[in-house]
Protein backbone atom coordinates (compact mmCIF):
# COMPACT_ATOMS: atom_id res chain seq x y z
CA MET A 1 -8.74 -25.60 -27.15
CA ALA A 2 -12.11 -24.87 -27.92
CA THR A 3 -12.80 -22.07 -31.41
CA THR A 4 -15.69 -19.99 -31.02
CA ILE A 5 -16.42 -16.72 -33.54
CA PHE A 6 -18.91 -14.50 -33.00
CA ILE A 7 -21.03 -13.29 -36.26
CA ASN A 8 -23.81 -11.30 -37.04
CA GLY A 9 -22.96 -7.90 -34.81
CA SER A 10 -21.06 -4.70 -34.72
CA ILE A 11 -17.56 -5.46 -33.44
CA TRP A 12 -15.62 -2.40 -32.83
CA PRO A 13 -12.16 -2.90 -31.94
CA GLY A 14 -11.39 0.03 -29.37
CA THR A 15 -9.81 3.09 -30.87
CA PRO A 16 -11.78 6.25 -31.84
CA GLU A 17 -10.83 5.61 -35.70
CA ALA A 18 -10.96 2.07 -35.69
CA SER A 19 -13.21 0.49 -38.37
CA ILE A 20 -16.22 -1.78 -37.65
CA GLU A 21 -15.64 -5.21 -37.43
CA ASN A 22 -18.23 -8.15 -38.71
CA ALA A 23 -16.88 -10.81 -36.75
CA ILE A 24 -14.64 -11.76 -33.64
CA ALA A 25 -12.87 -15.66 -33.28
CA ILE A 26 -11.52 -16.74 -29.89
CA GLU A 27 -9.58 -19.99 -28.79
CA GLY A 28 -9.56 -20.38 -25.24
CA SER A 29 -8.68 -17.33 -23.53
CA LYS A 30 -7.18 -15.03 -26.35
CA ILE A 31 -8.70 -13.68 -29.66
CA ILE A 32 -7.61 -15.10 -32.74
CA ALA A 33 -8.68 -13.24 -35.72
CA LEU A 34 -11.06 -10.34 -36.63
CA GLY A 35 -13.60 -9.86 -39.52
CA ASP A 36 -13.09 -11.89 -42.65
CA GLU A 37 -9.86 -13.44 -41.48
CA ALA A 38 -12.30 -14.63 -38.27
CA LEU A 39 -15.06 -16.10 -41.01
CA LYS A 40 -12.35 -17.95 -42.39
CA LEU A 41 -11.76 -19.97 -39.51
CA ASN A 42 -13.38 -23.29 -38.82
CA CYS A 43 -14.55 -22.95 -35.38
CA ASP A 44 -16.58 -25.16 -32.70
CA GLU A 45 -18.96 -22.73 -31.87
CA THR A 46 -20.84 -20.33 -33.68
CA VAL A 47 -22.48 -17.24 -31.87
CA ASP A 48 -25.22 -15.55 -33.86
CA LEU A 49 -25.28 -11.77 -32.10
CA LYS A 50 -28.52 -10.81 -34.17
CA GLY A 51 -27.35 -7.03 -34.45
CA SER A 52 -25.77 -6.79 -31.01
CA PHE A 53 -22.60 -4.84 -30.50
CA ILE A 54 -18.90 -6.04 -28.92
CA SER A 55 -16.35 -3.81 -28.31
CA PRO A 56 -13.88 -4.04 -25.18
CA PRO A 57 -14.79 -4.45 -21.49
CA PHE A 58 -15.07 -1.58 -19.21
CA ALA A 59 -12.47 -0.95 -16.85
CA ASP A 60 -13.03 1.49 -13.75
CA GLY A 61 -9.74 4.05 -13.65
CA HIS A 62 -10.72 5.50 -10.23
CA ALA A 63 -13.26 3.80 -7.70
CA HIS A 64 -13.98 3.12 -3.79
CA PRO A 65 -15.42 -1.22 -4.51
CA LEU A 66 -15.28 -1.96 -0.90
CA PHE A 67 -16.53 1.23 0.12
CA GLY A 68 -19.31 0.93 -2.53
CA GLY A 69 -19.83 -3.08 -1.04
CA ARG A 70 -19.29 -1.78 2.36
CA GLN A 71 -22.25 1.08 1.66
CA SER A 72 -24.68 -1.86 0.55
CA PHE A 73 -24.79 -2.40 4.33
CA GLY A 74 -26.58 0.31 5.37
CA PRO A 75 -29.48 2.91 4.55
CA GLN A 76 -30.16 3.41 1.01
CA VAL A 77 -30.11 6.94 0.71
CA THR A 78 -28.28 7.48 -2.87
CA GLY A 79 -30.46 9.29 -4.89
CA LEU A 80 -33.11 10.54 -2.40
CA GLU A 81 -33.85 13.95 -3.61
CA THR A 82 -35.46 15.46 -0.10
CA ILE A 83 -34.20 15.29 3.83
CA GLU A 84 -37.82 13.86 3.94
CA ASP A 85 -37.06 10.98 2.50
CA ILE A 86 -33.37 10.48 3.91
CA LEU A 87 -35.02 10.24 6.90
CA ALA A 88 -37.80 7.91 6.25
CA GLU A 89 -35.06 5.47 4.68
CA VAL A 90 -32.94 5.85 8.15
CA LYS A 91 -35.86 5.25 10.07
CA ARG A 92 -36.98 2.05 7.85
CA PHE A 93 -33.13 0.84 8.10
CA ALA A 94 -32.94 1.69 11.76
CA GLU A 95 -36.18 -0.22 12.73
CA ALA A 96 -35.28 -3.25 10.50
CA ASN A 97 -31.73 -3.81 11.88
CA LYS A 98 -32.49 -3.02 15.93
CA ASP A 99 -29.00 -5.33 16.94
CA LEU A 100 -26.82 -2.84 14.95
CA GLU A 101 -24.04 -0.87 17.03
CA TRP A 102 -24.11 2.22 14.54
CA ILE A 103 -25.95 2.74 11.45
CA ILE A 104 -23.66 3.78 8.55
CA GLY A 105 -24.42 4.38 5.26
CA GLY A 106 -24.54 6.77 2.15
CA THR A 107 -24.39 8.57 0.10
CA TYR A 108 -26.66 11.70 0.70
CA ASP A 109 -26.81 14.69 -2.00
CA PRO A 110 -25.14 17.70 -0.05
CA ALA A 111 -26.97 19.76 -2.49
CA ILE A 112 -29.95 19.30 -0.96
CA ASP A 113 -28.98 22.20 0.92
CA PRO A 114 -26.91 25.32 -0.79
CA ASP A 115 -24.32 25.02 1.98
CA GLY A 116 -24.01 21.59 2.14
CA ASN A 117 -24.71 21.78 6.51
CA PHE A 118 -26.74 19.12 7.54
CA ASP A 119 -28.24 19.57 11.42
CA ALA A 120 -28.01 16.23 13.95
CA ALA A 121 -31.30 17.38 15.42
CA LEU A 122 -32.81 16.17 11.84
CA LEU A 123 -31.12 12.54 12.37
CA ASP A 124 -31.83 12.59 15.93
CA SER A 125 -35.72 12.76 14.94
CA VAL A 126 -35.69 9.33 13.79
CA VAL A 127 -33.03 7.70 15.54
CA ALA A 128 -31.96 9.10 18.81
CA ASP A 129 -30.07 6.09 20.96
CA ARG A 130 -27.52 4.84 18.33
CA PRO A 131 -24.83 6.67 16.27
CA VAL A 132 -25.95 7.28 12.87
CA VAL A 133 -23.25 8.19 10.27
CA LEU A 134 -23.90 9.39 7.02
CA ASN A 135 -20.88 9.87 4.19
CA ALA A 136 -22.05 12.85 1.66
CA MET A 137 -21.59 11.93 -1.92
CA ASP A 138 -18.41 13.61 -2.23
CA TYR A 139 -16.97 11.13 0.86
CA HIS A 140 -15.34 13.82 2.26
CA THR A 141 -18.08 14.91 4.24
CA ILE A 142 -20.34 13.08 6.65
CA TRP A 143 -23.87 14.02 8.76
CA VAL A 144 -23.80 12.64 12.16
CA ASN A 145 -26.81 12.58 14.70
CA SER A 146 -26.04 13.84 18.09
CA GLU A 147 -25.52 10.25 20.01
CA ALA A 148 -22.56 10.04 17.48
CA ILE A 149 -21.55 12.81 18.51
CA ARG A 150 -21.59 12.45 22.15
CA ARG A 151 -19.93 9.03 21.72
CA SER A 152 -16.80 10.62 19.70
CA GLY A 153 -16.46 13.42 22.08
CA VAL A 154 -16.80 15.77 19.81
CA ASP A 155 -18.22 18.51 21.28
CA LYS A 156 -15.55 18.21 24.09
CA PHE A 157 -12.92 18.35 21.56
CA GLU A 158 -10.77 21.79 21.48
CA GLY A 159 -8.13 20.94 19.62
CA GLU A 160 -6.54 22.23 16.05
CA LEU A 161 -7.45 20.30 13.04
CA GLU A 162 -4.66 20.03 10.70
CA ILE A 163 -6.83 18.79 7.81
CA GLY A 164 -10.44 19.25 8.59
CA THR A 165 -13.49 21.14 10.09
CA VAL A 166 -16.20 20.72 12.45
CA VAL A 167 -19.52 22.83 11.48
CA ARG A 168 -20.25 24.33 14.60
CA ARG A 169 -23.50 26.21 15.36
CA GLU A 170 -23.92 29.92 16.94
CA ASP A 171 -23.39 28.66 20.31
CA GLY A 172 -20.43 26.65 19.34
CA SER A 173 -21.77 23.13 19.61
CA ALA A 174 -21.08 20.73 16.99
CA MET A 175 -24.17 21.11 14.51
CA GLY A 176 -23.43 17.29 12.72
CA THR A 177 -21.47 17.92 9.58
CA LEU A 178 -17.67 17.04 9.31
CA ARG A 179 -15.45 17.79 6.75
CA GLU A 180 -12.11 16.18 5.74
CA TRP A 181 -10.34 13.34 7.44
CA ASP A 182 -9.23 14.84 10.79
CA ALA A 183 -12.70 15.81 11.39
CA VAL A 184 -14.60 12.77 10.09
CA ASN A 185 -11.89 10.58 11.98
CA LEU A 186 -13.20 12.51 15.52
CA ILE A 187 -16.44 10.00 14.57
CA MET A 188 -15.13 6.85 12.63
CA GLU A 189 -12.57 5.99 15.16
CA LYS A 190 -15.39 5.34 17.87
CA ALA A 191 -17.33 3.17 14.95
CA PRO A 192 -16.85 -0.46 15.02
CA LEU A 193 -15.01 -2.14 12.63
CA PRO A 194 -16.71 -5.05 10.04
CA SER A 195 -15.67 -7.92 10.19
CA MET A 196 -13.43 -9.69 7.80
CA GLN A 197 -16.43 -12.06 6.67
CA ARG A 198 -18.06 -8.55 6.27
CA GLU A 199 -15.69 -7.42 4.01
CA ILE A 200 -15.23 -10.45 1.92
CA ARG A 201 -19.28 -10.11 0.98
CA ALA A 202 -18.67 -6.27 0.32
CA LEU A 203 -16.30 -7.41 -2.36
CA GLU A 204 -18.42 -9.76 -3.54
CA TYR A 205 -21.31 -7.33 -4.02
CA SER A 206 -19.11 -4.66 -5.54
CA SER A 207 -17.90 -7.31 -8.05
CA LYS A 208 -20.88 -8.93 -9.25
CA ARG A 209 -22.30 -5.66 -9.75
CA TYR A 210 -19.54 -4.67 -11.61
CA ALA A 211 -19.78 -7.65 -14.25
CA SER A 212 -23.08 -7.00 -14.67
CA HIS A 213 -22.11 -3.32 -15.69
CA GLY A 214 -19.34 -4.71 -18.34
CA ILE A 215 -16.48 -4.03 -15.76
CA THR A 216 -13.44 -6.40 -16.23
CA TRP A 217 -11.07 -4.21 -13.93
CA TRP A 218 -10.74 -1.83 -11.60
CA LEU A 219 -8.41 0.43 -9.39
CA ASP A 220 -9.25 0.78 -5.61
CA ALA A 221 -8.14 4.29 -5.57
CA TRP A 222 -8.10 4.47 -1.49
CA VAL A 223 -6.58 1.40 0.37
CA ASP A 224 -5.31 2.11 3.99
CA ARG A 225 -4.25 -0.57 6.44
CA GLY A 226 -6.64 -3.87 6.41
CA MET A 227 -8.27 -3.35 2.97
CA ALA A 228 -5.29 -4.79 1.12
CA GLU A 229 -5.81 -7.86 3.78
CA ALA A 230 -9.58 -7.88 3.03
CA TYR A 231 -8.71 -8.30 -1.11
CA LEU A 232 -6.42 -11.05 -0.34
CA ALA A 233 -9.26 -12.93 1.66
CA ALA A 234 -11.90 -12.33 -1.29
CA GLU A 235 -9.52 -13.42 -3.77
CA GLU A 236 -8.52 -16.55 -1.66
CA ALA A 237 -12.31 -16.93 -1.15
CA GLY A 238 -12.67 -16.34 -5.11
CA VAL A 239 -15.57 -13.79 -5.19
CA LEU A 240 -13.17 -11.40 -7.53
CA LEU A 241 -14.45 -11.98 -11.35
CA GLN A 242 -12.41 -8.83 -12.38
CA GLY A 243 -8.65 -7.72 -12.25
CA VAL A 244 -7.90 -5.15 -9.58
CA ASN A 245 -5.02 -3.18 -8.67
CA LEU A 246 -4.83 -1.44 -5.01
CA ALA A 247 -3.65 2.33 -4.62
CA PHE A 248 -2.59 2.53 -0.91
CA ARG A 249 -3.54 6.02 0.33
CA ALA A 250 -0.40 8.35 1.58
CA ASP A 251 -0.92 10.16 4.39
CA PRO A 252 0.97 13.17 4.80
CA ARG A 253 1.77 12.71 8.57
CA THR A 254 2.72 8.72 8.22
CA TRP A 255 3.81 7.96 4.49
CA GLN A 256 7.59 7.32 6.04
CA GLU A 257 6.59 4.98 8.45
CA ASP A 258 3.48 3.54 6.15
CA LEU A 259 6.21 2.98 2.64
CA PRO A 260 7.82 -0.35 4.25
CA TYR A 261 4.17 -1.78 4.52
CA PHE A 262 3.30 -0.89 1.22
CA LEU A 263 5.93 -2.16 -0.06
CA GLU A 264 5.41 -5.75 2.38
CA GLN A 265 1.83 -5.50 0.77
CA ARG A 266 2.87 -5.56 -2.61
CA ASN A 267 5.52 -8.06 -2.37
CA LYS A 268 3.13 -10.60 -0.73
CA ILE A 269 0.23 -9.90 -3.49
CA GLU A 270 2.42 -10.34 -6.03
CA GLY A 271 4.35 -13.57 -4.79
CA ILE A 272 0.92 -15.79 -4.00
CA LYS A 273 0.99 -18.27 -6.80
CA SER A 274 -2.50 -18.70 -6.52
CA ASN A 275 -3.39 -15.01 -7.42
CA LYS A 276 -4.80 -14.38 -10.21
CA ASN A 277 -6.66 -11.27 -9.84
CA LEU A 278 -4.64 -8.79 -7.25
CA SER A 279 -2.01 -6.68 -7.76
CA ALA A 280 -0.61 -3.47 -5.77
CA LYS A 281 1.42 -1.30 -7.83
CA THR A 282 0.26 2.28 -6.98
CA VAL A 283 0.20 4.74 -4.23
CA LYS A 284 -2.80 7.65 -3.66
CA PHE A 285 -2.18 10.96 -2.86
CA PHE A 286 -5.01 13.40 -1.90
CA ALA A 287 -4.13 16.76 -2.95
CA ASP A 288 -6.81 18.62 -1.79
CA GLY A 289 -10.33 18.31 -0.90
CA VAL A 290 -13.54 19.02 -2.87
CA ILE A 291 -14.72 22.37 -4.06
CA GLU A 292 -18.47 22.29 -2.94
CA GLY A 293 -16.72 21.83 0.68
CA GLY A 294 -14.28 24.97 0.27
CA THR A 295 -11.75 22.29 0.60
CA ALA A 296 -10.07 22.58 -2.84
CA ALA A 297 -6.86 24.01 -3.29
CA LEU A 298 -7.00 27.43 -5.82
CA LEU A 299 -4.91 29.84 -6.86
CA GLU A 300 -7.15 32.43 -6.60
CA PRO A 301 -9.28 32.56 -3.17
CA TYR A 302 -13.06 31.38 -3.16
CA THR A 303 -15.69 33.59 -4.51
CA ASN A 304 -17.77 33.04 -1.39
CA ASP A 305 -15.10 33.37 1.10
CA PRO A 306 -12.38 35.73 -0.37
CA CYS A 307 -9.84 34.74 2.79
CA SER A 308 -9.93 30.89 1.83
CA HIS A 309 -7.94 29.40 -0.57
CA GLY A 310 -9.16 25.94 0.18
CA MET A 311 -7.51 23.05 2.14
CA PRO A 312 -4.66 21.47 0.84
CA VAL A 313 -4.24 17.91 2.48
CA TRP A 314 -0.34 18.16 2.02
CA GLN A 315 2.34 20.83 2.69
CA TRP A 316 3.16 21.24 -1.35
CA GLU A 317 7.26 20.37 -0.67
CA GLU A 318 5.86 17.32 1.59
CA MET A 319 4.05 15.93 -0.93
CA THR A 320 6.93 16.47 -3.47
CA LYS A 321 9.26 14.78 -1.45
CA ALA A 322 6.89 11.79 -0.64
CA VAL A 323 6.00 11.37 -4.42
CA VAL A 324 9.60 11.27 -5.16
CA ALA A 325 10.03 8.30 -2.36
CA MET A 326 7.06 6.23 -3.92
CA ASP A 327 8.01 6.64 -7.13
CA LYS A 328 11.70 5.72 -6.37
CA ALA A 329 9.83 2.65 -5.16
CA GLY A 330 8.33 1.54 -8.23
CA PHE A 331 5.16 2.82 -7.38
CA GLN A 332 2.39 4.49 -10.08
CA ILE A 333 1.38 7.75 -8.05
CA HIS A 334 -2.24 8.38 -8.41
CA ILE A 335 -3.21 11.95 -7.38
CA HIS A 336 -6.66 13.48 -6.52
CA ALA A 337 -6.16 17.16 -7.61
CA ILE A 338 -9.58 19.33 -7.97
CA GLY A 339 -8.46 22.80 -7.50
CA ASP A 340 -6.30 25.10 -9.96
CA ALA A 341 -3.42 25.21 -7.08
CA GLY A 342 -3.85 21.62 -6.08
CA ILE A 343 -3.38 20.21 -9.76
CA ARG A 344 -0.40 22.40 -10.33
CA ALA A 345 1.42 21.27 -7.01
CA SER A 346 0.42 17.54 -8.31
CA LEU A 347 2.37 18.71 -11.45
CA ASP A 348 5.06 20.16 -10.00
CA ALA A 349 5.45 16.81 -7.69
CA LEU A 350 5.26 14.79 -10.40
CA GLU A 351 7.72 16.63 -12.52
CA THR A 352 10.12 16.62 -9.85
CA ALA A 353 10.12 12.66 -9.45
CA ILE A 354 10.23 12.21 -13.35
CA LYS A 355 13.56 14.23 -13.25
CA THR A 356 15.23 12.70 -10.20
CA ASN A 357 14.81 9.06 -10.03
CA PRO A 358 15.62 6.86 -13.09
CA LEU A 359 13.80 6.35 -16.09
CA TRP A 360 11.00 4.19 -16.05
CA ASP A 361 7.57 3.20 -17.00
CA ARG A 362 5.31 5.00 -14.38
CA ARG A 363 2.22 6.12 -16.05
CA PRO A 364 1.25 8.87 -13.16
CA THR A 365 -1.98 9.53 -13.01
CA ILE A 366 -3.71 12.95 -11.76
CA VAL A 367 -7.56 12.27 -11.13
CA HIS A 368 -10.17 14.80 -11.16
CA VAL A 369 -8.54 17.53 -13.10
CA GLN A 370 -11.95 19.49 -12.26
CA LEU A 371 -10.60 23.30 -12.00
CA LEU A 372 -7.15 23.62 -14.23
CA ASP A 373 -5.53 26.43 -15.16
CA PRO A 374 -4.73 27.16 -18.89
CA LEU A 375 -1.00 27.27 -18.13
CA ASP A 376 -0.98 24.26 -16.72
CA LEU A 377 -2.87 22.11 -19.64
CA PRO A 378 0.07 21.18 -22.17
CA ARG A 379 2.24 20.25 -18.98
CA PHE A 380 0.36 16.91 -19.07
CA SER A 381 1.07 15.73 -22.33
CA GLN A 382 4.67 17.24 -21.71
CA LEU A 383 5.30 15.20 -18.83
CA GLY A 384 3.43 12.01 -19.53
CA ILE A 385 0.66 12.17 -17.04
CA ILE A 386 -2.75 10.49 -17.59
CA ALA A 387 -5.72 12.74 -16.94
CA ASN A 388 -8.75 10.95 -15.20
CA PHE A 389 -12.32 11.71 -15.12
CA GLY A 390 -15.29 10.95 -14.16
CA PRO A 391 -17.59 11.50 -17.04
CA LEU A 392 -20.87 11.98 -15.12
CA TRP A 393 -19.20 15.46 -14.08
CA THR A 394 -19.18 16.76 -16.85
CA ARG A 395 -22.50 18.32 -16.66
CA GLN A 396 -24.30 21.23 -14.71
CA ASP A 397 -26.18 19.17 -12.42
CA PRO A 398 -27.19 19.87 -8.75
CA MET A 399 -23.84 19.70 -7.55
CA GLN A 400 -21.81 21.34 -9.71
CA ALA A 401 -25.06 24.34 -10.23
CA VAL A 402 -25.92 24.65 -6.20
CA SER A 403 -22.97 23.75 -4.75
CA SER A 404 -19.75 24.49 -6.73
CA ALA A 405 -20.77 27.36 -8.80
CA PRO A 406 -21.21 29.83 -6.35
CA ARG A 407 -18.29 29.19 -4.28
CA ILE A 408 -15.93 29.92 -7.75
CA GLY A 409 -17.84 32.36 -9.80
CA PRO A 410 -18.96 32.20 -13.47
CA GLU A 411 -15.06 32.24 -15.08
CA ARG A 412 -13.84 29.72 -12.81
CA THR A 413 -17.14 27.79 -13.30
CA ASP A 414 -16.66 27.62 -17.12
CA ARG A 415 -13.52 26.29 -17.06
CA GLN A 416 -13.88 22.87 -15.54
CA TYR A 417 -13.10 19.42 -17.32
CA LEU A 418 -11.69 20.52 -20.16
CA ILE A 419 -11.16 16.87 -21.85
CA ARG A 420 -11.64 18.36 -25.36
CA SER A 421 -8.32 20.30 -24.94
CA LEU A 422 -6.30 17.89 -23.22
CA ILE A 423 -7.26 15.18 -25.77
CA ASP A 424 -6.43 17.73 -28.62
CA ASN A 425 -3.09 18.25 -26.69
CA LYS A 426 -2.36 15.00 -27.17
CA THR A 427 -2.98 14.06 -23.54
CA ARG A 428 -3.78 10.39 -22.70
CA VAL A 429 -7.87 10.78 -21.03
CA ALA A 430 -9.06 7.74 -18.82
CA PHE A 431 -12.21 7.64 -17.19
CA GLY A 432 -13.18 6.25 -13.81
CA SER A 433 -16.56 6.20 -11.54
CA ASP A 434 -15.41 7.16 -8.32
CA TRP A 435 -18.26 5.00 -7.52
CA PRO A 436 -19.74 5.15 -4.83
CA VAL A 437 -19.45 8.89 -5.07
CA THR A 438 -21.38 8.39 -8.02
CA SER A 439 -22.83 5.60 -10.13
CA GLU A 440 -20.89 2.63 -11.10
CA ILE A 441 -22.48 2.26 -13.86
CA PRO A 442 -20.23 3.17 -17.65
CA LEU A 443 -23.39 3.88 -19.67
CA GLU A 444 -24.74 6.09 -17.40
CA GLY A 445 -21.74 8.49 -17.85
CA ILE A 446 -20.22 7.46 -20.75
CA ALA A 447 -22.01 9.86 -22.91
CA VAL A 448 -22.26 12.74 -20.66
CA PRO A 449 -19.06 14.40 -22.04
CA VAL A 450 -20.52 13.63 -25.45
CA HIS A 451 -23.65 15.76 -24.84
CA ARG A 452 -22.58 17.87 -21.77
CA GLN A 453 -25.88 18.24 -20.26
CA THR A 454 -28.26 16.86 -17.78
CA PRO A 455 -31.04 14.18 -18.73
CA ASP A 456 -33.67 16.64 -19.01
CA LYS A 457 -31.18 18.00 -22.01
CA LYS A 458 -30.21 20.98 -20.29
CA PRO A 459 -28.56 23.60 -20.98
CA ALA A 460 -29.60 24.02 -24.64
CA GLY A 461 -26.66 23.23 -26.50
CA GLY A 462 -24.22 21.61 -23.66
CA TRP A 463 -22.22 23.03 -20.77
CA MET A 464 -19.18 24.33 -22.61
CA PRO A 465 -19.89 22.54 -25.59
CA HIS A 466 -16.50 22.87 -27.30
CA GLU A 467 -15.22 20.92 -24.79
CA ALA A 468 -17.39 17.94 -25.82
CA ILE A 469 -15.89 14.75 -27.19
CA THR A 470 -17.60 12.35 -29.52
CA ILE A 471 -18.86 8.98 -28.57
CA GLN A 472 -16.05 6.83 -29.70
CA GLU A 473 -13.74 8.91 -27.77
CA ALA A 474 -15.69 8.88 -24.50
CA PHE A 475 -15.60 4.95 -25.54
CA THR A 476 -12.13 4.38 -25.61
CA SER A 477 -11.22 6.52 -22.46
CA TYR A 478 -13.71 3.65 -20.49
CA THR A 479 -11.54 1.00 -22.12
CA HIS A 480 -8.51 1.08 -23.97
CA GLU A 481 -7.07 4.21 -22.19
CA VAL A 482 -7.94 2.79 -18.55
CA ALA A 483 -5.87 -0.46 -19.86
CA TYR A 484 -2.74 1.95 -20.62
CA GLN A 485 -3.40 3.25 -16.90
CA ALA A 486 -3.36 -0.26 -15.87
CA PHE A 487 -0.41 -1.14 -17.40
CA GLU A 488 -2.28 -3.89 -19.30
CA ASP A 489 -2.82 -2.41 -22.80
CA LYS A 490 -1.13 -4.97 -24.70
CA ASN A 491 -3.37 -7.51 -22.82
CA TRP A 492 -6.49 -6.37 -23.10
CA GLY A 493 -8.84 -2.89 -24.03
CA THR A 494 -8.55 -3.54 -27.62
CA LEU A 495 -10.39 -6.33 -29.92
CA ALA A 496 -6.83 -7.46 -32.17
CA PRO A 497 -5.42 -11.17 -32.56
CA GLY A 498 -3.17 -12.38 -29.59
CA PHE A 499 -5.04 -9.89 -27.15
CA ASN A 500 -6.99 -11.56 -24.19
CA ALA A 501 -10.76 -12.52 -25.01
CA ASP A 502 -12.43 -9.67 -22.77
CA PHE A 503 -14.83 -7.96 -24.35
CA ILE A 504 -18.83 -7.21 -23.69
CA ILE A 505 -22.22 -7.55 -25.95
CA LEU A 506 -24.42 -5.03 -25.81
CA ASP A 507 -27.99 -4.80 -27.42
CA ASN A 508 -27.44 -1.39 -29.16
CA ASN A 509 -24.90 0.31 -31.43
CA PRO A 510 -24.09 3.00 -28.97
CA PHE A 511 -22.50 4.97 -32.22
CA GLU A 512 -25.72 5.07 -34.03
CA ILE A 513 -27.79 6.33 -31.55
CA ASP A 514 -28.87 9.66 -29.63
CA PRO A 515 -26.29 9.70 -26.83
CA HIS A 516 -28.88 10.94 -24.60
CA ASP A 517 -30.29 6.98 -25.05
CA VAL A 518 -26.98 5.06 -24.72
CA PRO A 519 -27.91 5.05 -20.84
CA ASN A 520 -30.66 2.72 -21.90
CA ILE A 521 -28.64 0.06 -23.68
CA LYS A 522 -28.18 -3.47 -22.04
CA VAL A 523 -24.94 -5.61 -21.47
CA LEU A 524 -25.70 -8.75 -22.30
CA LYS A 525 -22.79 -10.18 -21.48
CA THR A 526 -19.04 -9.79 -20.07
CA TYR A 527 -16.10 -11.72 -20.85
CA ARG A 528 -13.08 -12.03 -19.17
CA ASN A 529 -10.27 -14.29 -20.92
CA GLY A 530 -12.60 -15.75 -22.68
CA GLU A 531 -15.45 -17.39 -19.82
CA ALA A 532 -18.75 -15.28 -19.46
CA ILE A 533 -18.68 -13.70 -16.16
CA TYR A 534 -22.06 -12.36 -16.19
CA SER A 535 -25.04 -13.36 -18.58
CA ALA A 536 -28.35 -11.23 -18.54
């Protein structure tokens, strides 16, 4: 096997306290030496880094890349700042795709309207003859036109929704905004399913994007029936460039009958000898919704609605029962929990599983951890639970300032995303983008928990500056700590002899510049197992 040495650059091995090395040598798919030991080796090829920076590759510990790929085939409304711009893009897309039966896209920013309630009549003004469905940034809400309401029968629906709500006008008609599963499914159950070829193309799109951003592994944190099959087809087609772990979604009403399917798919994926990239180790729970939609589960009522504590997805006793069963079956547990009541219930469920089931290397994860009661903070380290955060959310952007803060008031607003406190309490903190909810580009989010400001450097001094972390800690959370979450911390996530030759080359040293300039850094190459899966 050929030996390659990379010199004349800065090589960061991958932990906050690690010293910068001046060289790295790889042989085939493995790292064989760093620093002076690497320089002593005879090599077949020498790569002059010309001052660039090498680190472990990024890994996305919580994302929805199949959704992101699907979204690429619809109107591109992400980042648009006005309703007029969104409508113009929907109109453009509809006129360019007259053969599409349904127009489905995303993601729009619900903070454009303070209540996050959007009227179907707005979409009707640009597309009236076909159903239009737009996903909100949180992927817990959709905005639809009147034709989507008509075809799905939402206006005629008079039943009770266990998990979800249909926003209605004063006359009782459906406005066009629907929140959480039962409501969203009233619409989406009528929409045509993507073809398998379309699903493969969606995953190919996402994989290439991820490679260009330095990502070599991801967790798909929302896998329903049919999606594992799409991943298997994509793997067979050879379009997956990264390692991928699938997290099957546990539904509060069907989890017992779904468990055999989860086991069947896991065994199938693990049993395919030609499978180089896929695993299915995880089960995903949604404990609650989102604060900006008023559906996150809170210990105290919402400030703007004193009668509401939110909308738990599960009865807590049933969630605990399901968590114990999935843990006993050998699945890693991954729980979406945003409100302090949802986080506490998740901790309780995991603690019960740990005490009930035999000891094993379970590495449970609670993701988002947005509004954490201080009494529950020590329980993460005590129970060995990973806290996974979307770093882009640790700032007061319009979603936070316009949609969330008025719902929970100033005291709770200022105890969100306690990353510094968790790290100081010896909790493992990993990062995930939640793409397409937010940007999938690690370099756009990685420094936000460092400065805790918006791009225009507001507020001065940062939002809750005492919860800021260092840029080295942020890089560790997007590399080594995700490797730990993935059960891969002995294979990648660190640059050391014997580890996989997985690394990225950046055009600038992120540790030596203003954190606000980190998004301007370019990924020059992404290596996985010693092979470049992306070159700028």
